[in-house]
Structures are given as C-alpha cells and as structure tokens.
Amino acid sequence: MPATLEVKCTDSDCEMDMFEMHYTYDMPDDVGVEEFACPYCRGTDCLEAIEL
C-alpha cells in the first residue's frame, strides 16, 4: 500500500484544518512534509505532519 501523509497547516490565518496526501509507489521514502506547500494559503513553513 502506498504511503499516506496527514498534514495540518499551523498558520493562524489559514482556513485549512488538515489534509491527507496519498503517494504513489514511486515516491521516494525520504519525502516529507517539508517538500510541500499548503494548498490553501500556499505557505511552506507552516505545515506539520500529524502522527497517529
């Protein structure tokens, strides 16, 4: 099963609560939340992985 990454945006001005990214099998294992931007506010330093 491909990896899933649950992410929250910590920017207090952003309306995005959380979102989930589903990777393909081709995604490198070392890819993390720091490689992405919030789809709502476009912030890059405000994303935090949600650990379940």
Protein backbone atom coordinates (compact mmCIF):
# COMPACT_ATOMS: atom_id res chain seq x y z
CA MET A 1 0.00 0.00 0.00
CA PRO A 2 1.42 3.45 -0.90
CA ALA A 3 2.27 5.83 1.92
CA THR A 4 -0.25 8.35 3.25
CA LEU A 5 0.78 11.58 4.92
CA GLU A 6 -1.70 13.52 7.08
CA VAL A 7 -0.82 17.19 7.36
CA LYS A 8 -2.09 20.25 9.20
CA CYS A 9 -1.41 23.90 8.49
CA THR A 10 -0.31 25.83 11.57
CA ASP A 11 -0.77 29.31 10.06
CA SER A 12 -3.40 31.04 12.22
CA ASP A 13 -4.71 32.99 9.19
CA CYS A 14 -5.23 29.85 7.09
CA GLU A 15 -8.65 28.20 6.83
CA MET A 16 -7.18 24.74 6.07
CA ASP A 17 -7.64 22.41 9.02
CA MET A 18 -5.94 19.29 7.77
CA PHE A 19 -5.47 17.32 4.59
CA GLU A 20 -4.20 13.94 3.53
CA MET A 21 -1.75 13.18 0.75
CA HIS A 22 -1.66 9.79 -0.92
CA TYR A 23 1.62 8.89 -2.59
CA THR A 24 2.24 6.54 -5.47
CA TYR A 25 4.66 3.66 -5.13
CA ASP A 26 7.25 5.76 -6.98
CA MET A 27 7.52 8.41 -4.25
CA PRO A 28 10.94 8.23 -2.51
CA ASP A 29 10.81 7.02 1.10
CA ASP A 30 12.54 10.14 2.44
CA VAL A 31 9.92 12.61 1.13
CA GLY A 32 8.33 14.51 3.99
CA VAL A 33 6.02 17.40 4.70
CA GLU A 34 8.82 19.95 4.14
CA GLU A 35 8.69 19.27 0.38
CA PHE A 36 5.10 20.54 0.06
CA ALA A 37 3.07 23.75 0.38
CA CYS A 38 -0.37 24.28 1.90
CA PRO A 39 -2.96 24.03 -0.90
CA TYR A 40 -4.98 26.87 0.66
CA CYS A 41 -2.54 29.56 1.84
CA ARG A 42 0.49 28.32 -0.15
CA GLY A 43 2.67 28.52 2.97
CA THR A 44 5.68 26.21 3.08
CA ASP A 45 7.00 26.65 6.60
CA CYS A 46 3.62 26.19 8.33
CA LEU A 47 2.94 22.53 7.55
CA GLU A 48 3.22 19.88 10.21
CA ALA A 49 2.81 16.12 9.84
CA ILE A 50 0.11 14.58 12.01
CA GLU A 51 1.41 11.49 13.78
CA LEU A 52 -1.27 8.92 14.55
